[in-house]
Amino acid sequence: MALDQMKMLQQLRKAQKQLGKEIIEVEAGDGAVVVQITGELKIKSVKIDPEQVDVDNIEQLEHWIEIAVRDGLAKAQEVAAETMKPLMGGMGNLPF
């Protein structure tokens, strides 16, 4: 039983490491804002195309950033859930 638990823990760690390498990229405003988020739900980068941004309309830029981050986090959560799903069935065997 302890061996199964150790194997499960190793698989979970491997999946977490894999999620850290997974990069989800989303854009908003027809590419004005591009956000990269890891499978661990960490923002890796935010890029803004200055040619597509109107400095007199900062509210629009803020809106695009909000959309890109929200969509990116949602997609990253889906990727994480799919990655962890096969491992969650064995979690019932853990003693906590």
PDB file of N, CA and C in Angstrom:
ATOM      1  N   MET A   1       0.820  -1.192   0.000  1.00  0.00           N
ATOM      2  CA  MET A   1       0.000   0.000   0.000  1.00  0.00           C
ATOM      3  C   MET A   1       0.867   1.259   0.000  1.00  0.00           C
ATOM      4  N   ALA A   2       1.899   1.290   0.826  1.00  0.00           N
ATOM      5  CA  ALA A   2       2.779   2.461   0.874  1.00  0.00           C
ATOM      6  C   ALA A   2       3.499   2.644  -0.458  1.00  0.00           C
ATOM      7  N   LEU A   3       3.788   1.543  -1.110  1.00  0.00           N
ATOM      8  CA  LEU A   3       4.448   1.610  -2.414  1.00  0.00           C
ATOM      9  C   LEU A   3       3.538   2.269  -3.450  1.00  0.00           C
ATOM     10  N   ASP A   4       2.253   1.924  -3.408  1.00  0.00           N
ATOM     11  CA  ASP A   4       1.283   2.548  -4.314  1.00  0.00           C
ATOM     12  C   ASP A   4       1.186   4.046  -4.056  1.00  0.00           C
ATOM     13  N   GLN A   5       1.227   4.428  -2.798  1.00  0.00           N
ATOM     14  CA  GLN A   5       1.141   5.847  -2.444  1.00  0.00           C
ATOM     15  C   GLN A   5       2.371   6.603  -2.925  1.00  0.00           C
ATOM     16  N   MET A   6       3.539   5.989  -2.793  1.00  0.00           N
ATOM     17  CA  MET A   6       4.760   6.633  -3.267  1.00  0.00           C
ATOM     18  C   MET A   6       4.731   6.780  -4.785  1.00  0.00           C
ATOM     19  N   LYS A   7       4.232   5.752  -5.466  1.00  0.00           N
ATOM     20  CA  LYS A   7       4.129   5.808  -6.919  1.00  0.00           C
ATOM     21  C   LYS A   7       3.167   6.928  -7.330  1.00  0.00           C
ATOM     22  N   MET A   8       2.047   7.030  -6.637  1.00  0.00           N
ATOM     23  CA  MET A   8       1.065   8.078  -6.925  1.00  0.00           C
ATOM     24  C   MET A   8       1.680   9.454  -6.702  1.00  0.00           C
ATOM     25  N   LEU A   9       2.430   9.614  -5.631  1.00  0.00           N
ATOM     26  CA  LEU A   9       3.080  10.889  -5.329  1.00  0.00           C
ATOM     27  C   LEU A   9       4.095  11.247  -6.417  1.00  0.00           C
ATOM     28  N   GLN A  10       4.842  10.266  -6.879  1.00  0.00           N
ATOM     29  CA  GLN A  10       5.800  10.504  -7.967  1.00  0.00           C
ATOM     30  C   GLN A  10       5.079  10.932  -9.245  1.00  0.00           C
ATOM     31  N   GLN A  11       3.954  10.296  -9.530  1.00  0.00           N
ATOM     32  CA  GLN A  11       3.178  10.656 -10.721  1.00  0.00           C
ATOM     33  C   GLN A  11       2.624  12.074 -10.600  1.00  0.00           C
ATOM     34  N   LEU A  12       2.177  12.445  -9.407  1.00  0.00           N
ATOM     35  CA  LEU A  12       1.669  13.801  -9.184  1.00  0.00           C
ATOM     36  C   LEU A  12       2.772  14.834  -9.373  1.00  0.00           C
ATOM     37  N   ARG A  13       3.938  14.552  -8.845  1.00  0.00           N
ATOM     38  CA  ARG A  13       5.066  15.480  -9.008  1.00  0.00           C
ATOM     39  C   ARG A  13       5.459  15.624 -10.476  1.00  0.00           C
ATOM     40  N   LYS A  14       5.445  14.509 -11.192  1.00  0.00           N
ATOM     41  CA  LYS A  14       5.768  14.541 -12.619  1.00  0.00           C
ATOM     42  C   LYS A  14       4.733  15.376 -13.379  1.00  0.00           C
ATOM     43  N   ALA A  15       3.466  15.210 -13.028  1.00  0.00           N
ATOM     44  CA  ALA A  15       2.402  15.982 -13.682  1.00  0.00           C
ATOM     45  C   ALA A  15       2.548  17.469 -13.376  1.00  0.00           C
ATOM     46  N   GLN A  16       2.894  17.804 -12.135  1.00  0.00           N
ATOM     47  CA  GLN A  16       3.089  19.212 -11.769  1.00  0.00           C
ATOM     48  C   GLN A  16       4.256  19.813 -12.552  1.00  0.00           C
ATOM     49  N   LYS A  17       5.317  19.047 -12.693  1.00  0.00           N
ATOM     50  CA  LYS A  17       6.471  19.524 -13.452  1.00  0.00           C
ATOM     51  C   LYS A  17       6.084  19.752 -14.911  1.00  0.00           C
ATOM     52  N   GLN A  18       5.307  18.837 -15.453  1.00  0.00           N
ATOM     53  CA  GLN A  18       4.830  18.962 -16.829  1.00  0.00           C
ATOM     54  C   GLN A  18       3.970  20.221 -16.975  1.00  0.00           C
ATOM     55  N   LEU A  19       3.107  20.486 -16.006  1.00  0.00           N
ATOM     56  CA  LEU A  19       2.256  21.680 -16.060  1.00  0.00           C
ATOM     57  C   LEU A  19       3.090  22.957 -16.020  1.00  0.00           C
ATOM     58  N   GLY A  20       4.201  22.922 -15.305  1.00  0.00           N
ATOM     59  CA  GLY A  20       5.076  24.088 -15.254  1.00  0.00           C
ATOM     60  C   GLY A  20       5.700  24.411 -16.600  1.00  0.00           C
ATOM     61  N   LYS A  21       5.841  23.388 -17.442  1.00  0.00           N
ATOM     62  CA  LYS A  21       6.423  23.585 -18.772  1.00  0.00           C
ATOM     63  C   LYS A  21       5.365  23.928 -19.820  1.00  0.00           C
ATOM     64  N   GLU A  22       4.116  23.634 -19.505  1.00  0.00           N
ATOM     65  CA  GLU A  22       3.012  23.900 -20.438  1.00  0.00           C
ATOM     66  C   GLU A  22       2.756  25.406 -20.511  1.00  0.00           C
ATOM     67  N   ILE A  23       2.726  25.948 -21.717  1.00  0.00           N
ATOM     68  CA  ILE A  23       2.488  27.382 -21.903  1.00  0.00           C
ATOM     69  C   ILE A  23       1.199  27.569 -22.705  1.00  0.00           C
ATOM     70  N   ILE A  24       0.289  28.316 -22.136  1.00  0.00           N
ATOM     71  CA  ILE A  24      -0.961  28.657 -22.798  1.00  0.00           C
ATOM     72  C   ILE A  24      -0.851  30.111 -23.221  1.00  0.00           C
ATOM     73  N   GLU A  25      -1.091  30.375 -24.492  1.00  0.00           N
ATOM     74  CA  GLU A  25      -0.996  31.742 -24.999  1.00  0.00           C
ATOM     75  C   GLU A  25      -2.367  32.184 -25.497  1.00  0.00           C
ATOM     76  N   VAL A  26      -2.805  33.331 -25.017  1.00  0.00           N
ATOM     77  CA  VAL A  26      -4.080  33.900 -25.460  1.00  0.00           C
ATOM     78  C   VAL A  26      -3.853  35.350 -25.856  1.00  0.00           C
ATOM     79  N   GLU A  27      -4.735  35.829 -26.723  1.00  0.00           N
ATOM     80  CA  GLU A  27      -4.621  37.225 -27.129  1.00  0.00           C
ATOM     81  C   GLU A  27      -5.986  37.883 -27.059  1.00  0.00           C
ATOM     82  N   ALA A  28      -5.961  39.182 -26.985  1.00  0.00           N
ATOM     83  CA  ALA A  28      -7.181  39.987 -26.983  1.00  0.00           C
ATOM     84  C   ALA A  28      -6.927  41.223 -27.829  1.00  0.00           C
ATOM     85  N   GLY A  29      -8.007  41.834 -28.283  1.00  0.00           N
ATOM     86  CA  GLY A  29      -7.859  43.041 -29.095  1.00  0.00           C
ATOM     87  C   GLY A  29      -7.169  42.771 -30.408  1.00  0.00           C
ATOM     88  N   ASP A  30      -7.511  41.637 -31.045  1.00  0.00           N
ATOM     89  CA  ASP A  30      -6.885  41.267 -32.325  1.00  0.00           C
ATOM     90  C   ASP A  30      -5.362  41.256 -32.250  1.00  0.00           C
ATOM     91  N   GLY A  31      -4.836  40.765 -31.131  1.00  0.00           N
ATOM     92  CA  GLY A  31      -3.388  40.654 -30.977  1.00  0.00           C
ATOM     93  C   GLY A  31      -2.733  41.841 -30.303  1.00  0.00           C
ATOM     94  N   ALA A  32      -3.525  42.826 -29.887  1.00  0.00           N
ATOM     95  CA  ALA A  32      -2.952  43.985 -29.194  1.00  0.00           C
ATOM     96  C   ALA A  32      -2.319  43.564 -27.873  1.00  0.00           C
ATOM     97  N   VAL A  33      -2.928  42.570 -27.215  1.00  0.00           N
ATOM     98  CA  VAL A  33      -2.416  42.051 -25.947  1.00  0.00           C
ATOM     99  C   VAL A  33      -2.260  40.540 -26.086  1.00  0.00           C
ATOM    100  N   VAL A  34      -1.076  40.039 -25.738  1.00  0.00           N
ATOM    101  CA  VAL A  34      -0.809  38.603 -25.755  1.00  0.00           C
ATOM    102  C   VAL A  34      -0.289  38.222 -24.371  1.00  0.00           C
ATOM    103  N   VAL A  35      -0.945  37.232 -23.767  1.00  0.00           N
ATOM    104  CA  VAL A  35      -0.571  36.782 -22.426  1.00  0.00           C
ATOM    105  C   VAL A  35      -0.195  35.308 -22.501  1.00  0.00           C
ATOM    106  N   GLN A  36       0.899  34.956 -21.832  1.00  0.00           N
ATOM    107  CA  GLN A  36       1.314  33.562 -21.703  1.00  0.00           C
ATOM    108  C   GLN A  36       1.182  33.171 -20.238  1.00  0.00           C
ATOM    109  N   ILE A  37       0.530  32.025 -20.017  1.00  0.00           N
ATOM    110  CA  ILE A  37       0.303  31.526 -18.665  1.00  0.00           C
ATOM    111  C   ILE A  37       0.730  30.063 -18.636  1.00  0.00           C
ATOM    112  N   THR A  38       1.385  29.659 -17.558  1.00  0.00           N
ATOM    113  CA  THR A  38       1.809  28.264 -17.439  1.00  0.00           C
ATOM    114  C   THR A  38       0.641  27.405 -16.970  1.00  0.00           C
ATOM    115  N   GLY A  39       0.820  26.103 -17.101  1.00  0.00           N
ATOM    116  CA  GLY A  39      -0.167  25.158 -16.596  1.00  0.00           C
ATOM    117  C   GLY A  39      -0.293  25.199 -15.086  1.00  0.00           C
ATOM    118  N   GLU A  40       0.640  25.865 -14.421  1.00  0.00           N
ATOM    119  CA  GLU A  40       0.576  26.059 -12.968  1.00  0.00           C
ATOM    120  C   GLU A  40      -0.173  27.340 -12.611  1.00  0.00           C
ATOM    121  N   LEU A  41      -0.794  27.966 -13.617  1.00  0.00           N
ATOM    122  CA  LEU A  41      -1.583  29.195 -13.442  1.00  0.00           C
ATOM    123  C   LEU A  41      -0.727  30.395 -13.073  1.00  0.00           C
ATOM    124  N   LYS A  42       0.503  30.409 -13.548  1.00  0.00           N
ATOM    125  CA  LYS A  42       1.393  31.547 -13.320  1.00  0.00           C
ATOM    126  C   LYS A  42       1.543  32.327 -14.620  1.00  0.00           C
ATOM    127  N   ILE A  43       1.437  33.651 -14.528  1.00  0.00           N
ATOM    128  CA  ILE A  43       1.603  34.474 -15.716  1.00  0.00           C
ATOM    129  C   ILE A  43       3.080  34.514 -16.071  1.00  0.00           C
ATOM    130  N   LYS A  44       3.389  34.091 -17.280  1.00  0.00           N
ATOM    131  CA  LYS A  44       4.775  34.061 -17.752  1.00  0.00           C
ATOM    132  C   LYS A  44       5.137  35.376 -18.428  1.00  0.00           C
ATOM    133  N   SER A  45       4.219  35.907 -19.252  1.00  0.00           N
ATOM    134  CA  SER A  45       4.504  37.175 -19.915  1.00  0.00           C
ATOM    135  C   SER A  45       3.219  37.864 -20.354  1.00  0.00           C
ATOM    136  N   VAL A  46       3.324  39.178 -20.473  1.00  0.00           N
ATOM    137  CA  VAL A  46       2.259  40.012 -21.032  1.00  0.00           C
ATOM    138  C   VAL A  46       2.931  40.901 -22.067  1.00  0.00           C
ATOM    139  N   LYS A  47       2.463  40.810 -23.299  1.00  0.00           N
ATOM    140  CA  LYS A  47       3.038  41.631 -24.366  1.00  0.00           C
ATOM    141  C   LYS A  47       1.952  42.527 -24.939  1.00  0.00           C
ATOM    142  N   ILE A  48       2.324  43.773 -25.189  1.00  0.00           N
ATOM    143  CA  ILE A  48       1.395  44.758 -25.730  1.00  0.00           C
ATOM    144  C   ILE A  48       1.990  45.311 -27.016  1.00  0.00           C
ATOM    145  N   ASP A  49       1.209  45.267 -28.073  1.00  0.00           N
ATOM    146  CA  ASP A  49       1.637  45.809 -29.364  1.00  0.00           C
ATOM    147  C   ASP A  49       1.326  47.305 -29.380  1.00  0.00           C
ATOM    148  N   PRO A  50       2.349  48.153 -29.274  1.00  0.00           N
ATOM    149  CA  PRO A  50       2.111  49.598 -29.185  1.00  0.00           C
ATOM    150  C   PRO A  50       1.424  50.180 -30.416  1.00  0.00           C
ATOM    151  N   GLU A  51       1.558  49.501 -31.548  1.00  0.00           N
ATOM    152  CA  GLU A  51       0.923  50.002 -32.763  1.00  0.00           C
ATOM    153  C   GLU A  51      -0.594  49.824 -32.745  1.00  0.00           C
ATOM    154  N   GLN A  52      -1.070  48.941 -31.870  1.00  0.00           N
ATOM    155  CA  GLN A  52      -2.509  48.686 -31.802  1.00  0.00           C
ATOM    156  C   GLN A  52      -3.172  49.347 -30.600  1.00  0.00           C
ATOM    157  N   VAL A  53      -2.401  50.083 -29.828  1.00  0.00           N
ATOM    158  CA  VAL A  53      -2.928  50.691 -28.608  1.00  0.00           C
ATOM    159  C   VAL A  53      -3.105  52.191 -28.806  1.00  0.00           C
ATOM    160  N   ASP A  54      -4.267  52.671 -28.429  1.00  0.00           N
ATOM    161  CA  ASP A  54      -4.563  54.102 -28.463  1.00  0.00           C
ATOM    162  C   ASP A  54      -4.290  54.655 -27.064  1.00  0.00           C
ATOM    163  N   VAL A  55      -3.250  55.462 -26.922  1.00  0.00           N
ATOM    164  CA  VAL A  55      -2.890  55.990 -25.602  1.00  0.00           C
ATOM    165  C   VAL A  55      -3.984  56.881 -25.022  1.00  0.00           C
ATOM    166  N   ASP A  56      -4.890  57.327 -25.848  1.00  0.00           N
ATOM    167  CA  ASP A  56      -6.008  58.127 -25.358  1.00  0.00           C
ATOM    168  C   ASP A  56      -7.161  57.255 -24.876  1.00  0.00           C
ATOM    169  N   ASN A  57      -7.004  55.938 -24.995  1.00  0.00           N
ATOM    170  CA  ASN A  57      -8.064  55.025 -24.574  1.00  0.00           C
ATOM    171  C   ASN A  57      -7.465  53.887 -23.739  1.00  0.00           C
ATOM    172  N   ILE A  58      -6.911  54.247 -22.614  1.00  0.00           N
ATOM    173  CA  ILE A  58      -6.272  53.272 -21.722  1.00  0.00           C
ATOM    174  C   ILE A  58      -7.294  52.264 -21.195  1.00  0.00           C
ATOM    175  N   GLU A  59      -8.535  52.685 -21.035  1.00  0.00           N
ATOM    176  CA  GLU A  59      -9.571  51.768 -20.553  1.00  0.00           C
ATOM    177  C   GLU A  59      -9.704  50.558 -21.481  1.00  0.00           C
ATOM    178  N   GLN A  60      -9.586  50.782 -22.776  1.00  0.00           N
ATOM    179  CA  GLN A  60      -9.670  49.677 -23.736  1.00  0.00           C
ATOM    180  C   GLN A  60      -8.504  48.714 -23.541  1.00  0.00           C
ATOM    181  N   LEU A  61      -7.305  49.242 -23.342  1.00  0.00           N
ATOM    182  CA  LEU A  61      -6.133  48.402 -23.092  1.00  0.00           C
ATOM    183  C   LEU A  61      -6.328  47.591 -21.818  1.00  0.00           C
ATOM    184  N   GLU A  62      -6.797  48.238 -20.771  1.00  0.00           N
ATOM    185  CA  GLU A  62      -7.055  47.531 -19.512  1.00  0.00           C
ATOM    186  C   GLU A  62      -8.062  46.400 -19.727  1.00  0.00           C
ATOM    187  N   HIS A  63      -9.084  46.670 -20.513  1.00  0.00           N
ATOM    188  CA  HIS A  63     -10.105  45.666 -20.808  1.00  0.00           C
ATOM    189  C   HIS A  63      -9.491  44.474 -21.551  1.00  0.00           C
ATOM    190  N   TRP A  64      -8.650  44.752 -22.549  1.00  0.00           N
ATOM    191  CA  TRP A  64      -8.004  43.670 -23.293  1.00  0.00           C
ATOM    192  C   TRP A  64      -7.107  42.828 -22.390  1.00  0.00           C
ATOM    193  N   ILE A  65      -6.379  43.492 -21.494  1.00  0.00           N
ATOM    194  CA  ILE A  65      -5.514  42.752 -20.560  1.00  0.00           C
ATOM    195  C   ILE A  65      -6.365  41.861 -19.668  1.00  0.00           C
ATOM    196  N   GLU A  66      -7.445  42.410 -19.156  1.00  0.00           N
ATOM    197  CA  GLU A  66      -8.345  41.636 -18.296  1.00  0.00           C
ATOM    198  C   GLU A  66      -8.890  40.413 -19.041  1.00  0.00           C
ATOM    199  N   ILE A  67      -9.336  40.617 -20.269  1.00  0.00           N
ATOM    200  CA  ILE A  67      -9.871  39.506 -21.068  1.00  0.00           C
ATOM    201  C   ILE A  67      -8.803  38.440 -21.299  1.00  0.00           C
ATOM    202  N   ALA A  68      -7.609  38.858 -21.698  1.00  0.00           N
ATOM    203  CA  ALA A  68      -6.537  37.903 -21.992  1.00  0.00           C
ATOM    204  C   ALA A  68      -6.145  37.104 -20.751  1.00  0.00           C
ATOM    205  N   VAL A  69      -6.022  37.777 -19.618  1.00  0.00           N
ATOM    206  CA  VAL A  69      -5.650  37.078 -18.384  1.00  0.00           C
ATOM    207  C   VAL A  69      -6.761  36.120 -17.965  1.00  0.00           C
ATOM    208  N   ARG A  70      -7.995  36.577 -17.986  1.00  0.00           N
ATOM    209  CA  ARG A  70      -9.125  35.730 -17.586  1.00  0.00           C
ATOM    210  C   ARG A  70      -9.225  34.501 -18.495  1.00  0.00           C
ATOM    211  N   ASP A  71      -9.160  34.718 -19.815  1.00  0.00           N
ATOM    212  CA  ASP A  71      -9.247  33.590 -20.747  1.00  0.00           C
ATOM    213  C   ASP A  71      -8.055  32.644 -20.605  1.00  0.00           C
ATOM    214  N   GLY A  72      -6.878  33.216 -20.407  1.00  0.00           N
ATOM    215  CA  GLY A  72      -5.686  32.395 -20.235  1.00  0.00           C
ATOM    216  C   GLY A  72      -5.744  31.538 -18.986  1.00  0.00           C
ATOM    217  N   LEU A  73      -6.204  32.123 -17.892  1.00  0.00           N
ATOM    218  CA  LEU A  73      -6.336  31.355 -16.651  1.00  0.00           C
ATOM    219  C   LEU A  73      -7.368  30.243 -16.805  1.00  0.00           C
ATOM    220  N   ALA A  74      -8.466  30.539 -17.476  1.00  0.00           N
ATOM    221  CA  ALA A  74      -9.496  29.520 -17.692  1.00  0.00           C
ATOM    222  C   ALA A  74      -8.939  28.361 -18.518  1.00  0.00           C
ATOM    223  N   LYS A  75      -8.208  28.673 -19.575  1.00  0.00           N
ATOM    224  CA  LYS A  75      -7.620  27.621 -20.409  1.00  0.00           C
ATOM    225  C   LYS A  75      -6.560  26.841 -19.641  1.00  0.00           C
ATOM    226  N   ALA A  76      -5.761  27.540 -18.847  1.00  0.00           N
ATOM    227  CA  ALA A  76      -4.731  26.868 -18.054  1.00  0.00           C
ATOM    228  C   ALA A  76      -5.369  25.936 -17.025  1.00  0.00           C
ATOM    229  N   GLN A  77      -6.487  26.352 -16.439  1.00  0.00           N
ATOM    230  CA  GLN A  77      -7.194  25.487 -15.491  1.00  0.00           C
ATOM    231  C   GLN A  77      -7.712  24.232 -16.185  1.00  0.00           C
ATOM    232  N   GLU A  78      -8.210  24.388 -17.407  1.00  0.00           N
ATOM    233  CA  GLU A  78      -8.671  23.228 -18.171  1.00  0.00           C
ATOM    234  C   GLU A  78      -7.520  22.267 -18.448  1.00  0.00           C
ATOM    235  N   VAL A  79      -6.383  22.808 -18.848  1.00  0.00           N
ATOM    236  CA  VAL A  79      -5.205  21.975 -19.124  1.00  0.00           C
ATOM    237  C   VAL A  79      -4.771  21.251 -17.848  1.00  0.00           C
ATOM    238  N   ALA A  80      -4.739  21.966 -16.736  1.00  0.00           N
ATOM    239  CA  ALA A  80      -4.341  21.362 -15.460  1.00  0.00           C
ATOM    240  C   ALA A  80      -5.315  20.260 -15.057  1.00  0.00           C
ATOM    241  N   ALA A  81      -6.603  20.514 -15.208  1.00  0.00           N
ATOM    242  CA  ALA A  81      -7.609  19.515 -14.843  1.00  0.00           C
ATOM    243  C   ALA A  81      -7.466  18.261 -15.697  1.00  0.00           C
ATOM    244  N   GLU A  82      -7.252  18.439 -16.991  1.00  0.00           N
ATOM    245  CA  GLU A  82      -7.087  17.290 -17.884  1.00  0.00           C
ATOM    246  C   GLU A  82      -5.814  16.509 -17.557  1.00  0.00           C
ATOM    247  N   THR A  83      -4.760  17.224 -17.203  1.00  0.00           N
ATOM    248  CA  THR A  83      -3.496  16.565 -16.871  1.00  0.00           C
ATOM    249  C   THR A  83      -3.619  15.772 -15.574  1.00  0.00           C
ATOM    250  N   MET A  84      -4.318  16.332 -14.601  1.00  0.00           N
ATOM    251  CA  MET A  84      -4.411  15.703 -13.286  1.00  0.00           C
ATOM    252  C   MET A  84      -5.545  14.677 -13.192  1.00  0.00           C
ATOM    253  N   LYS A  85      -6.494  14.743 -14.096  1.00  0.00           N
ATOM    254  CA  LYS A  85      -7.673  13.882 -14.034  1.00  0.00           C
ATOM    255  C   LYS A  85      -7.343  12.393 -13.895  1.00  0.00           C
ATOM    256  N   PRO A  86      -6.439  11.852 -14.707  1.00  0.00           N
ATOM    257  CA  PRO A  86      -6.143  10.421 -14.576  1.00  0.00           C
ATOM    258  C   PRO A  86      -5.548  10.054 -13.212  1.00  0.00           C
ATOM    259  N   LEU A  87      -4.914  11.011 -12.570  1.00  0.00           N
ATOM    260  CA  LEU A  87      -4.266  10.729 -11.287  1.00  0.00           C
ATOM    261  C   LEU A  87      -5.227  10.850 -10.112  1.00  0.00           C
ATOM    262  N   MET A  88      -6.293  11.579 -10.281  1.00  0.00           N
ATOM    263  CA  MET A  88      -7.205  11.842  -9.173  1.00  0.00           C
ATOM    264  C   MET A  88      -7.990  10.605  -8.748  1.00  0.00           C
ATOM    265  N   GLY A  89      -8.165   9.651  -9.640  1.00  0.00           N
ATOM    266  CA  GLY A  89      -8.879   8.434  -9.285  1.00  0.00           C
ATOM    267  C   GLY A  89      -8.192   7.673  -8.169  1.00  0.00           C
ATOM    268  N   GLY A  90      -6.883   7.715  -8.135  1.00  0.00           N
ATOM    269  CA  GLY A  90      -6.128   7.015  -7.104  1.00  0.00           C
ATOM    270  C   GLY A  90      -5.998   7.777  -5.808  1.00  0.00           C
ATOM    271  N   MET A  91      -6.482   9.008  -5.774  1.00  0.00           N
ATOM    272  CA  MET A  91      -6.337   9.815  -4.560  1.00  0.00           C
ATOM    273  C   MET A  91      -7.150   9.259  -3.402  1.00  0.00           C
ATOM    274  N   GLY A  92      -8.184   8.497  -3.694  1.00  0.00           N
ATOM    275  CA  GLY A  92      -8.993   7.922  -2.626  1.00  0.00           C
ATOM    276  C   GLY A  92      -8.210   6.946  -1.773  1.00  0.00           C
ATOM    277  N   ASN A  93      -7.103   6.458  -2.262  1.00  0.00           N
ATOM    278  CA  ASN A  93      -6.288   5.495  -1.524  1.00  0.00           C
ATOM    279  C   ASN A  93      -5.333   6.152  -0.537  1.00  0.00           C
ATOM    280  N   LEU A  94      -5.222   7.482  -0.603  1.00  0.00           N
ATOM    281  CA  LEU A  94      -4.279   8.160   0.286  1.00  0.00           C
ATOM    282  C   LEU A  94      -4.880   8.311   1.681  1.00  0.00           C
ATOM    283  N   PRO A  95      -4.059   8.157   2.721  1.00  0.00           N
ATOM    284  CA  PRO A  95      -4.564   8.141   4.101  1.00  0.00           C
ATOM    285  C   PRO A  95      -4.709   9.521   4.731  1.00  0.00           C
ATOM    286  N   PHE A  96      -5.491  10.420   4.128  1.00  0.00           N
ATOM    287  CA  PHE A  96      -5.773  11.687   4.784  1.00  0.00           C
ATOM    288  C   PHE A  96      -7.156  12.138   4.528  1.00  0.00           C
TER     289      PHE A  96
END
